[in-house]
Every structure is written in structure tokens, then in C-alpha cells.
PDB file of N, CA and C in Angstrom:
ATOM      1  N   MET A   1      26.952  27.040 107.609  1.00  0.00           N
ATOM      2  CA  MET A   1      27.243  25.659 107.279  1.00  0.00           C
ATOM      3  C   MET A   1      26.278  25.200 106.203  1.00  0.00           C
ATOM      4  N   SER A   2      26.796  24.659 105.143  1.00  0.00           N
ATOM      5  CA  SER A   2      25.929  24.140 104.100  1.00  0.00           C
ATOM      6  C   SER A   2      25.403  22.782 104.518  1.00  0.00           C
ATOM      7  N   ILE A   3      24.330  22.366 103.910  1.00  0.00           N
ATOM      8  CA  ILE A   3      23.712  21.081 104.239  1.00  0.00           C
ATOM      9  C   ILE A   3      24.637  19.906 103.920  1.00  0.00           C
ATOM     10  N   ASP A   4      25.567  20.085 102.999  1.00  0.00           N
ATOM     11  CA  ASP A   4      26.491  19.020 102.613  1.00  0.00           C
ATOM     12  C   ASP A   4      27.760  18.981 103.461  1.00  0.00           C
ATOM     13  N   GLU A   5      27.986  19.992 104.267  1.00  0.00           N
ATOM     14  CA  GLU A   5      29.199  20.052 105.077  1.00  0.00           C
ATOM     15  C   GLU A   5      29.058  19.115 106.282  1.00  0.00           C
ATOM     16  N   SER A   6      30.060  18.326 106.542  1.00  0.00           N
ATOM     17  CA  SER A   6      29.985  17.365 107.636  1.00  0.00           C
ATOM     18  C   SER A   6      30.226  18.043 108.976  1.00  0.00           C
ATOM     19  N   ILE A   7      29.710  17.419 110.021  1.00  0.00           N
ATOM     20  CA  ILE A   7      29.940  17.934 111.365  1.00  0.00           C
ATOM     21  C   ILE A   7      31.422  17.877 111.679  1.00  0.00           C
ATOM     22  N   SER A   8      32.109  16.894 111.133  1.00  0.00           N
ATOM     23  CA  SER A   8      33.548  16.761 111.333  1.00  0.00           C
ATOM     24  C   SER A   8      34.274  18.001 110.838  1.00  0.00           C
ATOM     25  N   THR A   9      33.961  18.426 109.642  1.00  0.00           N
ATOM     26  CA  THR A   9      34.584  19.615 109.069  1.00  0.00           C
ATOM     27  C   THR A   9      34.245  20.853 109.890  1.00  0.00           C
ATOM     28  N   GLU A  10      33.005  20.960 110.267  1.00  0.00           N
ATOM     29  CA  GLU A  10      32.560  22.127 111.028  1.00  0.00           C
ATOM     30  C   GLU A  10      33.276  22.222 112.372  1.00  0.00           C
ATOM     31  N   ILE A  11      33.386  21.113 113.085  1.00  0.00           N
ATOM     32  CA  ILE A  11      34.064  21.124 114.382  1.00  0.00           C
ATOM     33  C   ILE A  11      35.549  21.420 114.208  1.00  0.00           C
ATOM     34  N   LYS A  12      36.168  20.858 113.183  1.00  0.00           N
ATOM     35  CA  LYS A  12      37.591  21.126 112.933  1.00  0.00           C
ATOM     36  C   LYS A  12      37.831  22.608 112.677  1.00  0.00           C
ATOM     37  N   ILE A  13      36.930  23.238 111.955  1.00  0.00           N
ATOM     38  CA  ILE A  13      37.042  24.675 111.681  1.00  0.00           C
ATOM     39  C   ILE A  13      36.929  25.477 112.978  1.00  0.00           C
ATOM     40  N   LEU A  14      35.950  25.130 113.801  1.00  0.00           N
ATOM     41  CA  LEU A  14      35.768  25.838 115.067  1.00  0.00           C
ATOM     42  C   LEU A  14      36.969  25.652 115.990  1.00  0.00           C
ATOM     43  N   LEU A  15      37.507  24.435 116.042  1.00  0.00           N
ATOM     44  CA  LEU A  15      38.690  24.180 116.853  1.00  0.00           C
ATOM     45  C   LEU A  15      39.878  25.005 116.359  1.00  0.00           C
ATOM     46  N   ALA A  16      40.061  25.050 115.069  1.00  0.00           N
ATOM     47  CA  ALA A  16      41.185  25.813 114.496  1.00  0.00           C
ATOM     48  C   ALA A  16      41.047  27.299 114.816  1.00  0.00           C
ATOM     49  N   LYS A  17      39.831  27.827 114.755  1.00  0.00           N
ATOM     50  CA  LYS A  17      39.613  29.245 115.057  1.00  0.00           C
ATOM     51  C   LYS A  17      39.977  29.589 116.489  1.00  0.00           C
ATOM     52  N   ARG A  18      39.843  28.617 117.393  1.00  0.00           N
ATOM     53  CA  ARG A  18      40.146  28.841 118.808  1.00  0.00           C
ATOM     54  C   ARG A  18      41.520  28.300 119.197  1.00  0.00           C
ATOM     55  N   CYS A  19      42.245  27.739 118.206  1.00  0.00           N
ATOM     56  CA  CYS A  19      43.564  27.125 118.467  1.00  0.00           C
ATOM     57  C   CYS A  19      43.467  26.031 119.524  1.00  0.00           C
ATOM     58  N   TRP A  20      42.431  25.218 119.422  1.00  0.00           N
ATOM     59  CA  TRP A  20      42.211  24.101 120.331  1.00  0.00           C
ATOM     60  C   TRP A  20      42.486  22.800 119.585  1.00  0.00           C
ATOM     61  N   THR A  21      42.834  21.756 120.330  1.00  0.00           N
ATOM     62  CA  THR A  21      42.959  20.411 119.773  1.00  0.00           C
ATOM     63  C   THR A  21      41.725  19.614 120.168  1.00  0.00           C
ATOM     64  N   GLN A  22      41.514  18.489 119.479  1.00  0.00           N
ATOM     65  CA  GLN A  22      40.406  17.617 119.874  1.00  0.00           C
ATOM     66  C   GLN A  22      40.641  17.065 121.278  1.00  0.00           C
ATOM     67  N   ALA A  23      41.899  16.832 121.627  1.00  0.00           N
ATOM     68  CA  ALA A  23      42.219  16.319 122.967  1.00  0.00           C
ATOM     69  C   ALA A  23      41.821  17.329 124.041  1.00  0.00           C
ATOM     70  N   LYS A  24      42.108  18.598 123.808  1.00  0.00           N
ATOM     71  CA  LYS A  24      41.739  19.647 124.767  1.00  0.00           C
ATOM     72  C   LYS A  24      40.219  19.745 124.875  1.00  0.00           C
ATOM     73  N   LEU A  25      39.537  19.666 123.743  1.00  0.00           N
ATOM     74  CA  LEU A  25      38.081  19.707 123.739  1.00  0.00           C
ATOM     75  C   LEU A  25      37.517  18.502 124.494  1.00  0.00           C
ATOM     76  N   ALA A  26      38.066  17.328 124.252  1.00  0.00           N
ATOM     77  CA  ALA A  26      37.608  16.115 124.935  1.00  0.00           C
ATOM     78  C   ALA A  26      37.787  16.255 126.447  1.00  0.00           C
ATOM     79  N   GLN A  27      38.909  16.818 126.869  1.00  0.00           N
ATOM     80  CA  GLN A  27      39.161  17.018 128.294  1.00  0.00           C
ATOM     81  C   GLN A  27      38.094  17.928 128.908  1.00  0.00           C
ATOM     82  N   GLU A  28      37.771  19.006 128.214  1.00  0.00           N
ATOM     83  CA  GLU A  28      36.748  19.935 128.713  1.00  0.00           C
ATOM     84  C   GLU A  28      35.361  19.289 128.707  1.00  0.00           C
ATOM     85  N   LEU A  29      35.065  18.505 127.678  1.00  0.00           N
ATOM     86  CA  LEU A  29      33.787  17.781 127.646  1.00  0.00           C
ATOM     87  C   LEU A  29      33.687  16.832 128.831  1.00  0.00           C
ATOM     88  N   GLY A  30      34.771  16.129 129.122  1.00  0.00           N
ATOM     89  CA  GLY A  30      34.785  15.225 130.261  1.00  0.00           C
ATOM     90  C   GLY A  30      34.494  15.927 131.566  1.00  0.00           C
ATOM     91  N   LYS A  31      35.078  17.105 131.741  1.00  0.00           N
ATOM     92  CA  LYS A  31      34.822  17.896 132.948  1.00  0.00           C
ATOM     93  C   LYS A  31      33.348  18.282 133.048  1.00  0.00           C
ATOM     94  N   ARG A  32      32.826  18.774 131.939  1.00  0.00           N
ATOM     95  CA  ARG A  32      31.433  19.266 131.956  1.00  0.00           C
ATOM     96  C   ARG A  32      30.411  18.140 132.074  1.00  0.00           C
ATOM     97  N   LEU A  33      30.731  16.985 131.483  1.00  0.00           N
ATOM     98  CA  LEU A  33      29.808  15.849 131.528  1.00  0.00           C
ATOM     99  C   LEU A  33      30.066  14.949 132.732  1.00  0.00           C
ATOM    100  N   ASN A  34      31.139  15.248 133.466  1.00  0.00           N
ATOM    101  CA  ASN A  34      31.518  14.475 134.638  1.00  0.00           C
ATOM    102  C   ASN A  34      31.682  12.981 134.305  1.00  0.00           C
ATOM    103  N   LYS A  35      32.412  12.731 133.217  1.00  0.00           N
ATOM    104  CA  LYS A  35      32.700  11.359 132.825  1.00  0.00           C
ATOM    105  C   LYS A  35      33.998  11.337 132.031  1.00  0.00           C
ATOM    106  N   LYS A  36      34.552  10.143 131.884  1.00  0.00           N
ATOM    107  CA  LYS A  36      35.786  10.006 131.119  1.00  0.00           C
ATOM    108  C   LYS A  36      35.473  10.243 129.641  1.00  0.00           C
ATOM    109  N   TYR A  37      36.219  11.115 129.037  1.00  0.00           N
ATOM    110  CA  TYR A  37      35.997  11.473 127.639  1.00  0.00           C
ATOM    111  C   TYR A  37      37.380  11.665 127.034  1.00  0.00           C
ATOM    112  N   THR A  38      37.751  10.820 126.093  1.00  0.00           N
ATOM    113  CA  THR A  38      39.094  10.895 125.515  1.00  0.00           C
ATOM    114  C   THR A  38      39.056  11.528 124.133  1.00  0.00           C
ATOM    115  N   GLY A  39      40.212  11.966 123.700  1.00  0.00           N
ATOM    116  CA  GLY A  39      40.337  12.509 122.348  1.00  0.00           C
ATOM    117  C   GLY A  39      39.973  11.473 121.305  1.00  0.00           C
ATOM    118  N   ASP A  40      40.333  10.212 121.573  1.00  0.00           N
ATOM    119  CA  ASP A  40      40.027   9.142 120.615  1.00  0.00           C
ATOM    120  C   ASP A  40      38.526   8.893 120.478  1.00  0.00           C
ATOM    121  N   ASN A  41      37.807   8.842 121.621  1.00  0.00           N
ATOM    122  CA  ASN A  41      36.374   8.583 121.466  1.00  0.00           C
ATOM    123  C   ASN A  41      35.646   9.789 120.883  1.00  0.00           C
ATOM    124  N   LEU A  42      36.135  10.990 121.163  1.00  0.00           N
ATOM    125  CA  LEU A  42      35.554  12.177 120.526  1.00  0.00           C
ATOM    126  C   LEU A  42      35.805  12.135 119.024  1.00  0.00           C
ATOM    127  N   ALA A  43      37.024  11.821 118.627  1.00  0.00           N
ATOM    128  CA  ALA A  43      37.361  11.752 117.200  1.00  0.00           C
ATOM    129  C   ALA A  43      36.490  10.723 116.485  1.00  0.00           C
ATOM    130  N   LYS A  44      36.273   9.579 117.128  1.00  0.00           N
ATOM    131  CA  LYS A  44      35.444   8.533 116.512  1.00  0.00           C
ATOM    132  C   LYS A  44      33.996   9.001 116.359  1.00  0.00           C
ATOM    133  N   LYS A  45      33.451   9.614 117.401  1.00  0.00           N
ATOM    134  CA  LYS A  45      32.074  10.117 117.325  1.00  0.00           C
ATOM    135  C   LYS A  45      31.929  11.157 116.207  1.00  0.00           C
ATOM    136  N   ILE A  46      32.916  12.028 116.103  1.00  0.00           N
ATOM    137  CA  ILE A  46      32.871  13.067 115.075  1.00  0.00           C
ATOM    138  C   ILE A  46      33.024  12.452 113.686  1.00  0.00           C
ATOM    139  N   ARG A  47      33.997  11.550 113.539  1.00  0.00           N
ATOM    140  CA  ARG A  47      34.268  10.927 112.240  1.00  0.00           C
ATOM    141  C   ARG A  47      33.072  10.122 111.732  1.00  0.00           C
ATOM    142  N   THR A  48      32.415   9.392 112.629  1.00  0.00           N
ATOM    143  CA  THR A  48      31.281   8.550 112.222  1.00  0.00           C
ATOM    144  C   THR A  48      29.950   9.292 112.288  1.00  0.00           C
ATOM    145  N   GLU A  49      30.016  10.544 112.711  1.00  0.00           N
ATOM    146  CA  GLU A  49      28.830  11.397 112.836  1.00  0.00           C
ATOM    147  C   GLU A  49      27.767  10.770 113.724  1.00  0.00           C
ATOM    148  N   THR A  50      28.232  10.211 114.856  1.00  0.00           N
ATOM    149  CA  THR A  50      27.322   9.622 115.838  1.00  0.00           C
ATOM    150  C   THR A  50      27.303  10.425 117.133  1.00  0.00           C
ATOM    151  N   ILE A  51      27.818  11.611 117.088  1.00  0.00           N
ATOM    152  CA  ILE A  51      27.864  12.453 118.284  1.00  0.00           C
ATOM    153  C   ILE A  51      26.467  13.009 118.567  1.00  0.00           C
ATOM    154  N   PRO A  52      25.999  12.884 119.796  1.00  0.00           N
ATOM    155  CA  PRO A  52      24.654  13.379 120.124  1.00  0.00           C
ATOM    156  C   PRO A  52      24.560  14.903 120.003  1.00  0.00           C
ATOM    157  N   TYR A  53      23.379  15.373 119.667  1.00  0.00           N
ATOM    158  CA  TYR A  53      23.152  16.809 119.538  1.00  0.00           C
ATOM    159  C   TYR A  53      23.460  17.523 120.852  1.00  0.00           C
ATOM    160  N   ARG A  54      23.166  16.898 121.967  1.00  0.00           N
ATOM    161  CA  ARG A  54      23.462  17.478 123.273  1.00  0.00           C
ATOM    162  C   ARG A  54      24.953  17.799 123.386  1.00  0.00           C
ATOM    163  N   GLU A  55      25.795  16.900 122.888  1.00  0.00           N
ATOM    164  CA  GLU A  55      27.237  17.130 122.943  1.00  0.00           C
ATOM    165  C   GLU A  55      27.671  18.185 121.923  1.00  0.00           C
ATOM    166  N   ILE A  56      26.993  18.253 120.805  1.00  0.00           N
ATOM    167  CA  ILE A  56      27.278  19.306 119.820  1.00  0.00           C
ATOM    168  C   ILE A  56      26.993  20.674 120.449  1.00  0.00           C
ATOM    169  N   LYS A  57      25.862  20.782 121.149  1.00  0.00           N
ATOM    170  CA  LYS A  57      25.533  22.045 121.813  1.00  0.00           C
ATOM    171  C   LYS A  57      26.566  22.381 122.881  1.00  0.00           C
ATOM    172  N   LEU A  58      27.039  21.378 123.597  1.00  0.00           N
ATOM    173  CA  LEU A  58      28.045  21.601 124.622  1.00  0.00           C
ATOM    174  C   LEU A  58      29.375  22.029 123.999  1.00  0.00           C
ATOM    175  N   ILE A  59      29.755  21.416 122.883  1.00  0.00           N
ATOM    176  CA  ILE A  59      30.969  21.823 122.169  1.00  0.00           C
ATOM    177  C   ILE A  59      30.872  23.285 121.759  1.00  0.00           C
ATOM    178  N   ALA A  60      29.728  23.667 121.212  1.00  0.00           N
ATOM    179  CA  ALA A  60      29.536  25.067 120.810  1.00  0.00           C
ATOM    180  C   ALA A  60      29.693  25.986 122.017  1.00  0.00           C
ATOM    181  N   ASP A  61      29.104  25.614 123.130  1.00  0.00           N
ATOM    182  CA  ASP A  61      29.200  26.433 124.336  1.00  0.00           C
ATOM    183  C   ASP A  61      30.640  26.532 124.818  1.00  0.00           C
ATOM    184  N   ILE A  62      31.344  25.420 124.868  1.00  0.00           N
ATOM    185  CA  ILE A  62      32.737  25.406 125.313  1.00  0.00           C
ATOM    186  C   ILE A  62      33.594  26.331 124.451  1.00  0.00           C
ATOM    187  N   LEU A  63      33.353  26.302 123.148  1.00  0.00           N
ATOM    188  CA  LEU A  63      34.151  27.104 122.217  1.00  0.00           C
ATOM    189  C   LEU A  63      33.634  28.535 122.063  1.00  0.00           C
ATOM    190  N   GLY A  64      32.544  28.857 122.762  1.00  0.00           N
ATOM    191  CA  GLY A  64      32.037  30.229 122.754  1.00  0.00           C
ATOM    192  C   GLY A  64      31.115  30.554 121.592  1.00  0.00           C
ATOM    193  N   TYR A  65      30.392  29.558 121.100  1.00  0.00           N
ATOM    194  CA  TYR A  65      29.465  29.758 119.992  1.00  0.00           C
ATOM    195  C   TYR A  65      28.047  29.410 120.413  1.00  0.00           C
ATOM    196  N   ASP A  66      27.088  29.960 119.695  1.00  0.00           N
ATOM    197  CA  ASP A  66      25.680  29.611 119.859  1.00  0.00           C
ATOM    198  C   ASP A  66      25.219  28.889 118.607  1.00  0.00           C
ATOM    199  N   ILE A  67      24.325  27.937 118.792  1.00  0.00           N
ATOM    200  CA  ILE A  67      23.683  27.281 117.655  1.00  0.00           C
ATOM    201  C   ILE A  67      22.324  27.937 117.497  1.00  0.00           C
ATOM    202  N   GLU A  68      22.033  28.350 116.293  1.00  0.00           N
ATOM    203  CA  GLU A  68      20.789  29.072 116.053  1.00  0.00           C
ATOM    204  C   GLU A  68      20.113  28.522 114.809  1.00  0.00           C
ATOM    205  N   PHE A  69      18.823  28.299 114.906  1.00  0.00           N
ATOM    206  CA  PHE A  69      18.042  27.903 113.738  1.00  0.00           C
ATOM    207  C   PHE A  69      17.385  29.167 113.198  1.00  0.00           C
ATOM    208  N   LYS A  70      17.612  29.431 111.913  1.00  0.00           N
ATOM    209  CA  LYS A  70      17.051  30.623 111.281  1.00  0.00           C
ATOM    210  C   LYS A  70      16.008  30.211 110.259  1.00  0.00           C
ATOM    211  N   ASP A  71      14.936  30.942 110.225  1.00  0.00           N
ATOM    212  CA  ASP A  71      13.914  30.724 109.215  1.00  0.00           C
ATOM    213  C   ASP A  71      14.425  31.282 107.896  1.00  0.00           C
ATOM    214  N   ARG A  72      14.577  30.448 106.906  1.00  0.00           N
ATOM    215  CA  ARG A  72      15.098  30.881 105.603  1.00  0.00           C
ATOM    216  C   ARG A  72      14.090  31.687 104.809  1.00  0.00           C
ATOM    217  N   LYS A  73      12.854  31.643 105.202  1.00  0.00           N
ATOM    218  CA  LYS A  73      11.803  32.349 104.464  1.00  0.00           C
ATOM    219  C   LYS A  73      11.675  33.809 104.878  1.00  0.00           C
ATOM    220  N   GLN A  74      12.430  34.226 105.861  1.00  0.00           N
ATOM    221  CA  GLN A  74      12.340  35.619 106.296  1.00  0.00           C
ATOM    222  C   GLN A  74      13.469  36.418 105.723  1.00  0.00           C
TER     223      GLN A  74
END
């Protein structure tokens, strides 16, 4: 992911790779967070880039990805 790429674009790419919809992802987030989570509120958080990092990590886990910080100097 480049520094200029939005989280919205990145999540859309990951969803497409898994053939998932935002609604399906929201449903799974709701289960894991044990709270009501709709496709609309997920879309708004993603669009406005106000989604917490904790939820980004959970999205990655749900979709089968790891988030990794790499040292660019190595």
C-alpha cells in the first residue's frame, strides 16, 4: 500500500479478492465485536477514514490477512 492510497481503496481491494461485500464484512464485525454493526456505518467509517485501527486489524483478521510494519532501511 502506498502512503497516498486510502484505506477505503485498500479495504475494497481486499473485499474483492475474497468476493465479500461490505455488508457481509459488517455482519462479521458485529459478531466479533458483539455489537450492532451495519454495512452503512462501516461504509461511512471507511469513506470518512474514521475507522479505528483496532477495527482495521479485525478486518484484516476476518479476511485472512496480517498487518505488518516493515523497516524500510533493511
